[in-house]
């Protein structure tokens, strides 16, 4: 895969804010505006875009994210965080990135 792990450093940068938003998502859905130019400087997804839907249940991805390195790399970064791993094992988490680069996080207990 030519685009394997190319977004890891970007997601590492955002990891603290994503973890904070995940914690807050237990109370209400969360959104966070990401920077379009950061994604465009790394990848070349002009035709397909960077948006994705990532669903996690029981600590595992429950939908098909095979075609999007952006989502795969985010999951890898979260998987390597004890805080995120604990949340992912006991909740149903939906993380989406819109075409406008708004990251939305919704959490429901299993």
PDB file of N, CA and C in Angstrom:
ATOM      1  N   UNK A   1       0.837  -1.192   0.000  1.00  0.00           N
ATOM      2  CA  UNK A   1       0.000   0.000   0.000  1.00  0.00           C
ATOM      3  C   UNK A   1       0.873   1.243   0.000  1.00  0.00           C
ATOM      4  N   UNK A   2       0.673   2.081  -0.979  1.00  0.00           N
ATOM      5  CA  UNK A   2       1.513   3.263  -1.072  1.00  0.00           C
ATOM      6  C   UNK A   2       1.177   4.303  -0.002  1.00  0.00           C
ATOM      7  N   UNK A   3      -0.051   4.315   0.485  1.00  0.00           N
ATOM      8  CA  UNK A   3      -0.431   5.331   1.476  1.00  0.00           C
ATOM      9  C   UNK A   3      -0.523   4.769   2.894  1.00  0.00           C
ATOM     10  N   UNK A   4       0.204   3.688   3.151  1.00  0.00           N
ATOM     11  CA  UNK A   4       0.175   3.073   4.479  1.00  0.00           C
ATOM     12  C   UNK A   4       0.768   4.019   5.522  1.00  0.00           C
ATOM     13  N   UNK A   5      -0.024   4.312   6.524  1.00  0.00           N
ATOM     14  CA  UNK A   5       0.391   5.099   7.691  1.00  0.00           C
ATOM     15  C   UNK A   5       0.806   6.537   7.400  1.00  0.00           C
ATOM     16  N   UNK A   6       0.414   7.113   6.286  1.00  0.00           N
ATOM     17  CA  UNK A   6       0.865   8.471   5.997  1.00  0.00           C
ATOM     18  C   UNK A   6       0.182   9.533   6.859  1.00  0.00           C
ATOM     19  N   UNK A   7      -0.958   9.197   7.464  1.00  0.00           N
ATOM     20  CA  UNK A   7      -1.671  10.169   8.297  1.00  0.00           C
ATOM     21  C   UNK A   7      -1.394   9.990   9.794  1.00  0.00           C
ATOM     22  N   UNK A   8      -0.553   9.029  10.140  1.00  0.00           N
ATOM     23  CA  UNK A   8      -0.291   8.732  11.558  1.00  0.00           C
ATOM     24  C   UNK A   8       0.219   9.958  12.326  1.00  0.00           C
ATOM     25  N   UNK A   9       1.207  10.659  11.788  1.00  0.00           N
ATOM     26  CA  UNK A   9       1.753  11.821  12.495  1.00  0.00           C
ATOM     27  C   UNK A   9       0.713  12.912  12.681  1.00  0.00           C
ATOM     28  N   UNK A  10      -0.133  13.103  11.673  1.00  0.00           N
ATOM     29  CA  UNK A  10      -1.188  14.115  11.786  1.00  0.00           C
ATOM     30  C   UNK A  10      -2.167  13.732  12.899  1.00  0.00           C
ATOM     31  N   UNK A  11      -2.592  12.466  12.920  1.00  0.00           N
ATOM     32  CA  UNK A  11      -3.515  12.033  13.970  1.00  0.00           C
ATOM     33  C   UNK A  11      -2.839  12.068  15.340  1.00  0.00           C
ATOM     34  N   UNK A  12      -1.544  11.777  15.406  1.00  0.00           N
ATOM     35  CA  UNK A  12      -0.814  11.878  16.680  1.00  0.00           C
ATOM     36  C   UNK A  12      -0.889  13.310  17.203  1.00  0.00           C
ATOM     37  N   UNK A  13      -0.750  14.253  16.308  1.00  0.00           N
ATOM     38  CA  UNK A  13      -0.819  15.670  16.688  1.00  0.00           C
ATOM     39  C   UNK A  13      -2.182  15.996  17.306  1.00  0.00           C
ATOM     40  N   UNK A  14      -3.239  15.464  16.710  1.00  0.00           N
ATOM     41  CA  UNK A  14      -4.596  15.753  17.173  1.00  0.00           C
ATOM     42  C   UNK A  14      -5.074  14.821  18.285  1.00  0.00           C
ATOM     43  N   UNK A  15      -4.290  13.818  18.625  1.00  0.00           N
ATOM     44  CA  UNK A  15      -4.729  12.820  19.606  1.00  0.00           C
ATOM     45  C   UNK A  15      -5.214  13.426  20.923  1.00  0.00           C
ATOM     46  N   UNK A  16      -4.486  14.366  21.540  1.00  0.00           N
ATOM     47  CA  UNK A  16      -4.989  14.918  22.816  1.00  0.00           C
ATOM     48  C   UNK A  16      -6.385  15.542  22.707  1.00  0.00           C
ATOM     49  N   UNK A  17      -6.624  16.294  21.658  1.00  0.00           N
ATOM     50  CA  UNK A  17      -7.940  16.926  21.522  1.00  0.00           C
ATOM     51  C   UNK A  17      -9.010  15.883  21.179  1.00  0.00           C
ATOM     52  N   UNK A  18      -8.661  14.881  20.393  1.00  0.00           N
ATOM     53  CA  UNK A  18      -9.625  13.827  20.062  1.00  0.00           C
ATOM     54  C   UNK A  18      -9.996  13.046  21.320  1.00  0.00           C
ATOM     55  N   UNK A  19      -9.017  12.724  22.153  1.00  0.00           N
ATOM     56  CA  UNK A  19      -9.307  12.013  23.404  1.00  0.00           C
ATOM     57  C   UNK A  19     -10.196  12.860  24.310  1.00  0.00           C
ATOM     58  N   UNK A  20      -9.923  14.139  24.386  1.00  0.00           N
ATOM     59  CA  UNK A  20     -10.758  15.044  25.182  1.00  0.00           C
ATOM     60  C   UNK A  20     -12.189  15.068  24.649  1.00  0.00           C
ATOM     61  N   UNK A  21     -12.324  15.158  23.342  1.00  0.00           N
ATOM     62  CA  UNK A  21     -13.656  15.171  22.723  1.00  0.00           C
ATOM     63  C   UNK A  21     -14.366  13.828  22.923  1.00  0.00           C
ATOM     64  N   UNK A  22     -13.604  12.735  22.907  1.00  0.00           N
ATOM     65  CA  UNK A  22     -14.219  11.425  23.146  1.00  0.00           C
ATOM     66  C   UNK A  22     -14.787  11.361  24.564  1.00  0.00           C
ATOM     67  N   UNK A  23     -14.050  11.886  25.527  1.00  0.00           N
ATOM     68  CA  UNK A  23     -14.542  11.900  26.912  1.00  0.00           C
ATOM     69  C   UNK A  23     -15.804  12.748  27.026  1.00  0.00           C
ATOM     70  N   UNK A  24     -15.804  13.899  26.377  1.00  0.00           N
ATOM     71  CA  UNK A  24     -16.968  14.796  26.424  1.00  0.00           C
ATOM     72  C   UNK A  24     -18.161  14.231  25.666  1.00  0.00           C
ATOM     73  N   UNK A  25     -17.905  13.355  24.705  1.00  0.00           N
ATOM     74  CA  UNK A  25     -18.984  12.793  23.886  1.00  0.00           C
ATOM     75  C   UNK A  25     -19.902  11.882  24.684  1.00  0.00           C
ATOM     76  N   UNK A  26     -19.480  11.465  25.893  1.00  0.00           N
ATOM     77  CA  UNK A  26     -20.380  10.702  26.763  1.00  0.00           C
ATOM     78  C   UNK A  26     -21.556  11.566  27.191  1.00  0.00           C
ATOM     79  N   UNK A  27     -21.344  12.870  27.262  1.00  0.00           N
ATOM     80  CA  UNK A  27     -22.383  13.806  27.696  1.00  0.00           C
ATOM     81  C   UNK A  27     -23.172  14.327  26.503  1.00  0.00           C
ATOM     82  N   UNK A  28     -22.457  14.766  25.459  1.00  0.00           N
ATOM     83  CA  UNK A  28     -23.126  15.228  24.242  1.00  0.00           C
ATOM     84  C   UNK A  28     -22.186  15.052  23.054  1.00  0.00           C
ATOM     85  N   UNK A  29     -22.762  14.934  21.872  1.00  0.00           N
ATOM     86  CA  UNK A  29     -21.968  14.755  20.659  1.00  0.00           C
ATOM     87  C   UNK A  29     -20.976  15.903  20.516  1.00  0.00           C
ATOM     88  N   UNK A  30     -19.822  15.582  19.976  1.00  0.00           N
ATOM     89  CA  UNK A  30     -18.748  16.561  19.865  1.00  0.00           C
ATOM     90  C   UNK A  30     -18.337  16.768  18.411  1.00  0.00           C
ATOM     91  N   UNK A  31     -17.856  17.980  18.136  1.00  0.00           N
ATOM     92  CA  UNK A  31     -17.304  18.286  16.821  1.00  0.00           C
ATOM     93  C   UNK A  31     -16.027  19.081  17.001  1.00  0.00           C
ATOM     94  N   UNK A  32     -15.137  18.938  16.026  1.00  0.00           N
ATOM     95  CA  UNK A  32     -13.884  19.676  16.065  1.00  0.00           C
ATOM     96  C   UNK A  32     -13.460  19.970  14.625  1.00  0.00           C
ATOM     97  N   UNK A  33     -13.157  21.223  14.363  1.00  0.00           N
ATOM     98  CA  UNK A  33     -12.749  21.631  13.016  1.00  0.00           C
ATOM     99  C   UNK A  33     -11.269  21.337  12.794  1.00  0.00           C
ATOM    100  N   UNK A  34     -10.997  20.513  11.796  1.00  0.00           N
ATOM    101  CA  UNK A  34      -9.615  20.203  11.420  1.00  0.00           C
ATOM    102  C   UNK A  34      -9.202  21.101  10.251  1.00  0.00           C
ATOM    103  N   UNK A  35      -7.929  21.133   9.954  1.00  0.00           N
ATOM    104  CA  UNK A  35      -7.402  21.995   8.905  1.00  0.00           C
ATOM    105  C   UNK A  35      -7.230  21.233   7.588  1.00  0.00           C
ATOM    106  N   UNK A  36      -7.967  21.671   6.590  1.00  0.00           N
ATOM    107  CA  UNK A  36      -7.947  21.041   5.275  1.00  0.00           C
ATOM    108  C   UNK A  36      -6.531  20.961   4.703  1.00  0.00           C
ATOM    109  N   UNK A  37      -5.778  22.040   4.814  1.00  0.00           N
ATOM    110  CA  UNK A  37      -4.450  22.069   4.197  1.00  0.00           C
ATOM    111  C   UNK A  37      -3.502  21.022   4.789  1.00  0.00           C
ATOM    112  N   UNK A  38      -3.732  20.634   6.050  1.00  0.00           N
ATOM    113  CA  UNK A  38      -2.870  19.616   6.656  1.00  0.00           C
ATOM    114  C   UNK A  38      -3.057  18.260   5.972  1.00  0.00           C
ATOM    115  N   UNK A  39      -4.283  17.946   5.639  1.00  0.00           N
ATOM    116  CA  UNK A  39      -4.555  16.679   4.953  1.00  0.00           C
ATOM    117  C   UNK A  39      -4.053  16.730   3.518  1.00  0.00           C
ATOM    118  N   UNK A  40      -4.295  17.856   2.861  1.00  0.00           N
ATOM    119  CA  UNK A  40      -3.890  17.991   1.461  1.00  0.00           C
ATOM    120  C   UNK A  40      -2.381  17.995   1.296  1.00  0.00           C
ATOM    121  N   UNK A  41      -1.647  18.436   2.313  1.00  0.00           N
ATOM    122  CA  UNK A  41      -0.187  18.440   2.211  1.00  0.00           C
ATOM    123  C   UNK A  41       0.392  17.033   2.345  1.00  0.00           C
ATOM    124  N   UNK A  42      -0.400  16.105   2.891  1.00  0.00           N
ATOM    125  CA  UNK A  42       0.061  14.725   3.086  1.00  0.00           C
ATOM    126  C   UNK A  42      -0.405  13.821   1.959  1.00  0.00           C
ATOM    127  N   UNK A  43      -1.695  13.882   1.671  1.00  0.00           N
ATOM    128  CA  UNK A  43      -2.284  12.934   0.732  1.00  0.00           C
ATOM    129  C   UNK A  43      -2.740  13.598  -0.550  1.00  0.00           C
ATOM    130  N   UNK A  44      -3.156  12.767  -1.486  1.00  0.00           N
ATOM    131  CA  UNK A  44      -3.631  13.236  -2.776  1.00  0.00           C
ATOM    132  C   UNK A  44      -4.980  12.589  -3.058  1.00  0.00           C
ATOM    133  N   UNK A  45      -5.989  13.014  -2.298  1.00  0.00           N
ATOM    134  CA  UNK A  45      -7.322  12.437  -2.437  1.00  0.00           C
ATOM    135  C   UNK A  45      -8.289  13.478  -2.981  1.00  0.00           C
ATOM    136  N   UNK A  46      -7.845  14.251  -3.956  1.00  0.00           N
ATOM    137  CA  UNK A  46      -8.672  15.343  -4.462  1.00  0.00           C
ATOM    138  C   UNK A  46      -9.974  14.847  -5.079  1.00  0.00           C
ATOM    139  N   UNK A  47      -9.952  13.703  -5.744  1.00  0.00           N
ATOM    140  CA  UNK A  47     -11.186  13.222  -6.368  1.00  0.00           C
ATOM    141  C   UNK A  47     -12.107  12.537  -5.362  1.00  0.00           C
ATOM    142  N   UNK A  48     -11.556  11.718  -4.481  1.00  0.00           N
ATOM    143  CA  UNK A  48     -12.401  10.975  -3.546  1.00  0.00           C
ATOM    144  C   UNK A  48     -12.609  11.714  -2.226  1.00  0.00           C
ATOM    145  N   UNK A  49     -11.760  12.652  -1.914  1.00  0.00           N
ATOM    146  CA  UNK A  49     -11.901  13.413  -0.673  1.00  0.00           C
ATOM    147  C   UNK A  49     -11.346  12.659   0.522  1.00  0.00           C
ATOM    148  N   UNK A  50     -11.421  13.296   1.667  1.00  0.00           N
ATOM    149  CA  UNK A  50     -10.839  12.755   2.895  1.00  0.00           C
ATOM    150  C   UNK A  50     -11.907  12.299   3.890  1.00  0.00           C
ATOM    151  N   UNK A  51     -13.175  12.505   3.571  1.00  0.00           N
ATOM    152  CA  UNK A  51     -14.236  12.180   4.519  1.00  0.00           C
ATOM    153  C   UNK A  51     -14.323  10.675   4.749  1.00  0.00           C
ATOM    154  N   UNK A  52     -14.791  10.324   5.948  1.00  0.00           N
ATOM    155  CA  UNK A  52     -14.934   8.914   6.296  1.00  0.00           C
ATOM    156  C   UNK A  52     -15.937   8.756   7.423  1.00  0.00           C
ATOM    157  N   UNK A  53     -16.393   7.513   7.593  1.00  0.00           N
ATOM    158  CA  UNK A  53     -17.202   7.083   8.729  1.00  0.00           C
ATOM    159  C   UNK A  53     -16.458   5.923   9.373  1.00  0.00           C
ATOM    160  N   UNK A  54     -16.193   6.050  10.666  1.00  0.00           N
ATOM    161  CA  UNK A  54     -15.492   5.014  11.411  1.00  0.00           C
ATOM    162  C   UNK A  54     -16.382   4.607  12.577  1.00  0.00           C
ATOM    163  N   UNK A  55     -16.748   3.333  12.619  1.00  0.00           N
ATOM    164  CA  UNK A  55     -17.561   2.828  13.729  1.00  0.00           C
ATOM    165  C   UNK A  55     -16.757   1.782  14.486  1.00  0.00           C
ATOM    166  N   UNK A  56     -16.754   1.938  15.809  1.00  0.00           N
ATOM    167  CA  UNK A  56     -15.977   1.039  16.666  1.00  0.00           C
ATOM    168  C   UNK A  56     -16.906   0.443  17.724  1.00  0.00           C
ATOM    169  N   UNK A  57     -16.919  -0.883  17.795  1.00  0.00           N
ATOM    170  CA  UNK A  57     -17.685  -1.609  18.817  1.00  0.00           C
ATOM    171  C   UNK A  57     -16.771  -2.669  19.402  1.00  0.00           C
ATOM    172  N   UNK A  58     -16.837  -2.841  20.717  1.00  0.00           N
ATOM    173  CA  UNK A  58     -16.009  -3.856  21.390  1.00  0.00           C
ATOM    174  C   UNK A  58     -14.525  -3.710  21.058  1.00  0.00           C
ATOM    175  N   UNK A  59     -14.071  -2.478  20.842  1.00  0.00           N
ATOM    176  CA  UNK A  59     -12.665  -2.233  20.570  1.00  0.00           C
ATOM    177  C   UNK A  59     -12.221  -2.531  19.151  1.00  0.00           C
ATOM    178  N   UNK A  60     -13.183  -2.890  18.275  1.00  0.00           N
ATOM    179  CA  UNK A  60     -12.853  -3.234  16.894  1.00  0.00           C
ATOM    180  C   UNK A  60     -13.661  -2.392  15.922  1.00  0.00           C
ATOM    181  N   UNK A  61     -13.090  -2.166  14.763  1.00  0.00           N
ATOM    182  CA  UNK A  61     -13.806  -1.451  13.706  1.00  0.00           C
ATOM    183  C   UNK A  61     -14.953  -2.336  13.231  1.00  0.00           C
ATOM    184  N   UNK A  62     -16.155  -1.777  13.193  1.00  0.00           N
ATOM    185  CA  UNK A  62     -17.319  -2.580  12.815  1.00  0.00           C
ATOM    186  C   UNK A  62     -17.848  -2.251  11.418  1.00  0.00           C
ATOM    187  N   UNK A  63     -17.218  -1.318  10.726  1.00  0.00           N
ATOM    188  CA  UNK A  63     -17.607  -1.032   9.345  1.00  0.00           C
ATOM    189  C   UNK A  63     -16.357  -1.124   8.466  1.00  0.00           C
ATOM    190  N   UNK A  64     -16.549  -1.074   7.168  1.00  0.00           N
ATOM    191  CA  UNK A  64     -15.435  -1.239   6.230  1.00  0.00           C
ATOM    192  C   UNK A  64     -14.714   0.094   6.015  1.00  0.00           C
ATOM    193  N   UNK A  65     -13.485   0.177   6.517  1.00  0.00           N
ATOM    194  CA  UNK A  65     -12.678   1.381   6.290  1.00  0.00           C
ATOM    195  C   UNK A  65     -11.443   1.044   5.460  1.00  0.00           C
ATOM    196  N   UNK A  66     -11.474  -0.109   4.817  1.00  0.00           N
ATOM    197  CA  UNK A  66     -10.325  -0.575   4.052  1.00  0.00           C
ATOM    198  C   UNK A  66      -9.859   0.388   2.974  1.00  0.00           C
ATOM    199  N   UNK A  67     -10.776   1.166   2.429  1.00  0.00           N
ATOM    200  CA  UNK A  67     -10.422   2.062   1.331  1.00  0.00           C
ATOM    201  C   UNK A  67      -9.941   3.427   1.764  1.00  0.00           C
ATOM    202  N   UNK A  68      -9.923   3.701   3.047  1.00  0.00           N
ATOM    203  CA  UNK A  68      -9.511   5.031   3.474  1.00  0.00           C
ATOM    204  C   UNK A  68      -8.396   4.986   4.513  1.00  0.00           C
ATOM    205  N   UNK A  69      -7.213   5.358   4.062  1.00  0.00           N
ATOM    206  CA  UNK A  69      -6.053   5.400   4.952  1.00  0.00           C
ATOM    207  C   UNK A  69      -6.258   6.412   6.075  1.00  0.00           C
ATOM    208  N   UNK A  70      -7.037   7.457   5.808  1.00  0.00           N
ATOM    209  CA  UNK A  70      -7.281   8.481   6.832  1.00  0.00           C
ATOM    210  C   UNK A  70      -7.934   7.847   8.058  1.00  0.00           C
ATOM    211  N   UNK A  71      -8.975   7.049   7.850  1.00  0.00           N
ATOM    212  CA  UNK A  71      -9.678   6.389   8.960  1.00  0.00           C
ATOM    213  C   UNK A  71      -8.837   5.283   9.576  1.00  0.00           C
ATOM    214  N   UNK A  72      -8.165   4.500   8.745  1.00  0.00           N
ATOM    215  CA  UNK A  72      -7.322   3.409   9.274  1.00  0.00           C
ATOM    216  C   UNK A  72      -6.240   3.953  10.199  1.00  0.00           C
ATOM    217  N   UNK A  73      -5.605   5.047   9.790  1.00  0.00           N
ATOM    218  CA  UNK A  73      -4.531   5.607  10.607  1.00  0.00           C
ATOM    219  C   UNK A  73      -5.074   6.210  11.895  1.00  0.00           C
ATOM    220  N   UNK A  74      -6.251   6.806  11.847  1.00  0.00           N
ATOM    221  CA  UNK A  74      -6.862   7.322  13.073  1.00  0.00           C
ATOM    222  C   UNK A  74      -7.116   6.174  14.046  1.00  0.00           C
ATOM    223  N   UNK A  75      -7.678   5.079  13.567  1.00  0.00           N
ATOM    224  CA  UNK A  75      -7.936   3.942  14.438  1.00  0.00           C
ATOM    225  C   UNK A  75      -6.635   3.415  15.044  1.00  0.00           C
ATOM    226  N   UNK A  76      -5.571   3.345  14.255  1.00  0.00           N
ATOM    227  CA  UNK A  76      -4.281   2.871  14.765  1.00  0.00           C
ATOM    228  C   UNK A  76      -3.771   3.771  15.889  1.00  0.00           C
ATOM    229  N   UNK A  77      -3.896   5.076  15.715  1.00  0.00           N
ATOM    230  CA  UNK A  77      -3.454   6.017  16.753  1.00  0.00           C
ATOM    231  C   UNK A  77      -4.290   5.827  18.017  1.00  0.00           C
ATOM    232  N   UNK A  78      -5.608   5.687  17.863  1.00  0.00           N
ATOM    233  CA  UNK A  78      -6.482   5.501  19.026  1.00  0.00           C
ATOM    234  C   UNK A  78      -6.190   4.173  19.729  1.00  0.00           C
ATOM    235  N   UNK A  79      -5.942   3.141  18.935  1.00  0.00           N
ATOM    236  CA  UNK A  79      -5.669   1.813  19.481  1.00  0.00           C
ATOM    237  C   UNK A  79      -4.425   1.807  20.368  1.00  0.00           C
ATOM    238  N   UNK A  80      -3.498   2.712  20.101  1.00  0.00           N
ATOM    239  CA  UNK A  80      -2.257   2.779  20.867  1.00  0.00           C
ATOM    240  C   UNK A  80      -2.348   3.678  22.095  1.00  0.00           C
ATOM    241  N   UNK A  81      -3.551   4.168  22.379  1.00  0.00           N
ATOM    242  CA  UNK A  81      -3.783   4.985  23.562  1.00  0.00           C
ATOM    243  C   UNK A  81      -4.604   4.165  24.561  1.00  0.00           C
ATOM    244  N   UNK A  82      -4.087   4.009  25.783  1.00  0.00           N
ATOM    245  CA  UNK A  82      -4.826   3.251  26.797  1.00  0.00           C
ATOM    246  C   UNK A  82      -6.187   3.882  27.076  1.00  0.00           C
ATOM    247  N   UNK A  83      -6.226   5.201  27.129  1.00  0.00           N
ATOM    248  CA  UNK A  83      -7.488   5.906  27.387  1.00  0.00           C
ATOM    249  C   UNK A  83      -8.503   5.593  26.298  1.00  0.00           C
ATOM    250  N   UNK A  84      -8.093   5.739  25.055  1.00  0.00           N
ATOM    251  CA  UNK A  84      -9.000   5.477  23.939  1.00  0.00           C
ATOM    252  C   UNK A  84      -9.386   4.004  23.886  1.00  0.00           C
ATOM    253  N   UNK A  85      -8.418   3.136  24.130  1.00  0.00           N
ATOM    254  CA  UNK A  85      -8.695   1.698  24.076  1.00  0.00           C
ATOM    255  C   UNK A  85      -9.779   1.315  25.083  1.00  0.00           C
ATOM    256  N   UNK A  86      -9.688   1.851  26.306  1.00  0.00           N
ATOM    257  CA  UNK A  86     -10.710   1.575  27.317  1.00  0.00           C
ATOM    258  C   UNK A  86     -12.082   2.067  26.871  1.00  0.00           C
ATOM    259  N   UNK A  87     -12.134   3.253  26.287  1.00  0.00           N
ATOM    260  CA  UNK A  87     -13.422   3.784  25.808  1.00  0.00           C
ATOM    261  C   UNK A  87     -13.959   2.947  24.654  1.00  0.00           C
ATOM    262  N   UNK A  88     -13.070   2.517  23.758  1.00  0.00           N
ATOM    263  CA  UNK A  88     -13.511   1.763  22.584  1.00  0.00           C
ATOM    264  C   UNK A  88     -14.016   0.380  22.951  1.00  0.00           C
ATOM    265  N   UNK A  89     -13.503  -0.199  24.035  1.00  0.00           N
ATOM    266  CA  UNK A  89     -13.925  -1.541  24.428  1.00  0.00           C
ATOM    267  C   UNK A  89     -15.289  -1.558  25.104  1.00  0.00           C
ATOM    268  N   UNK A  90     -15.713  -0.426  25.667  1.00  0.00           N
ATOM    269  CA  UNK A  90     -16.971  -0.424  26.424  1.00  0.00           C
ATOM    270  C   UNK A  90     -18.057   0.468  25.818  1.00  0.00           C
ATOM    271  N   UNK A  91     -17.825   0.986  24.616  1.00  0.00           N
ATOM    272  CA  UNK A  91     -18.789   1.883  23.984  1.00  0.00           C
ATOM    273  C   UNK A  91     -18.901   1.610  22.498  1.00  0.00           C
ATOM    274  N   UNK A  92     -19.967   2.127  21.925  1.00  0.00           N
ATOM    275  CA  UNK A  92     -20.137   2.157  20.476  1.00  0.00           C
ATOM    276  C   UNK A  92     -19.763   3.581  20.066  1.00  0.00           C
ATOM    277  N   UNK A  93     -18.701   3.710  19.312  1.00  0.00           N
ATOM    278  CA  UNK A  93     -18.176   5.026  18.955  1.00  0.00           C
ATOM    279  C   UNK A  93     -18.290   5.225  17.454  1.00  0.00           C
ATOM    280  N   UNK A  94     -18.837   6.374  17.077  1.00  0.00           N
ATOM    281  CA  UNK A  94     -18.911   6.757  15.668  1.00  0.00           C
ATOM    282  C   UNK A  94     -18.095   8.033  15.497  1.00  0.00           C
ATOM    283  N   UNK A  95     -17.108   7.945  14.618  1.00  0.00           N
ATOM    284  CA  UNK A  95     -16.282   9.108  14.317  1.00  0.00           C
ATOM    285  C   UNK A  95     -16.403   9.352  12.816  1.00  0.00           C
ATOM    286  N   UNK A  96     -16.774  10.563  12.456  1.00  0.00           N
ATOM    287  CA  UNK A  96     -16.899  10.914  11.044  1.00  0.00           C
ATOM    288  C   UNK A  96     -16.072  12.149  10.748  1.00  0.00           C
ATOM    289  N   UNK A  97     -15.585  12.210   9.541  1.00  0.00           N
ATOM    290  CA  UNK A  97     -14.923  13.404   9.048  1.00  0.00           C
ATOM    291  C   UNK A  97     -15.707  13.857   7.826  1.00  0.00           C
ATOM    292  N   UNK A  98     -16.244  15.067   7.895  1.00  0.00           N
ATOM    293  CA  UNK A  98     -17.054  15.587   6.794  1.00  0.00           C
ATOM    294  C   UNK A  98     -16.171  16.169   5.693  1.00  0.00           C
ATOM    295  N   UNK A  99     -16.781  16.480   4.574  1.00  0.00           N
ATOM    296  CA  UNK A  99     -16.055  17.107   3.461  1.00  0.00           C
ATOM    297  C   UNK A  99     -15.523  18.482   3.861  1.00  0.00           C
ATOM    298  N   UNK A 100     -16.116  19.067   4.892  1.00  0.00           N
ATOM    299  CA  UNK A 100     -15.676  20.372   5.400  1.00  0.00           C
ATOM    300  C   UNK A 100     -14.622  20.220   6.493  1.00  0.00           C
ATOM    301  N   UNK A 101     -14.144  18.997   6.693  1.00  0.00           N
ATOM    302  CA  UNK A 101     -13.092  18.679   7.674  1.00  0.00           C
ATOM    303  C   UNK A 101     -13.538  18.903   9.121  1.00  0.00           C
ATOM    304  N   UNK A 102     -14.816  18.632   9.367  1.00  0.00           N
ATOM    305  CA  UNK A 102     -15.324  18.655  10.738  1.00  0.00           C
ATOM    306  C   UNK A 102     -15.325  17.217  11.237  1.00  0.00           C
ATOM    307  N   UNK A 103     -14.567  16.982  12.309  1.00  0.00           N
ATOM    308  CA  UNK A 103     -14.517  15.672  12.932  1.00  0.00           C
ATOM    309  C   UNK A 103     -15.632  15.603  13.966  1.00  0.00           C
ATOM    310  N   UNK A 104     -16.546  14.651  13.809  1.00  0.00           N
ATOM    311  CA  UNK A 104     -17.672  14.494  14.733  1.00  0.00           C
ATOM    312  C   UNK A 104     -17.515  13.177  15.479  1.00  0.00           C
ATOM    313  N   UNK A 105     -17.786  13.234  16.790  1.00  0.00           N
ATOM    314  CA  UNK A 105     -17.649  12.054  17.638  1.00  0.00           C
ATOM    315  C   UNK A 105     -18.949  11.840  18.409  1.00  0.00           C
ATOM    316  N   UNK A 106     -19.494  10.616  18.264  1.00  0.00           N
ATOM    317  CA  UNK A 106     -20.715  10.238  18.980  1.00  0.00           C
ATOM    318  C   UNK A 106     -20.445   8.929  19.703  1.00  0.00           C
ATOM    319  N   UNK A 107     -20.846   8.889  20.970  1.00  0.00           N
ATOM    320  CA  UNK A 107     -20.594   7.693  21.776  1.00  0.00           C
ATOM    321  C   UNK A 107     -21.888   7.248  22.451  1.00  0.00           C
ATOM    322  N   UNK A 108     -22.159   5.950  22.352  1.00  0.00           N
ATOM    323  CA  UNK A 108     -23.242   5.342  23.115  1.00  0.00           C
ATOM    324  C   UNK A 108     -22.686   4.133  23.820  1.00  0.00           C
ATOM    325  N   UNK A 109     -23.172   3.869  25.016  1.00  0.00           N
ATOM    326  CA  UNK A 109     -22.699   2.707  25.751  1.00  0.00           C
ATOM    327  C   UNK A 109     -23.251   1.446  25.117  1.00  0.00           C
ATOM    328  N   UNK A 110     -22.481   0.377  25.208  1.00  0.00           N
ATOM    329  CA  UNK A 110     -22.918  -0.910  24.640  1.00  0.00           C
ATOM    330  C   UNK A 110     -23.990  -1.529  25.505  1.00  0.00           C
TER     331      UNK A 110
END
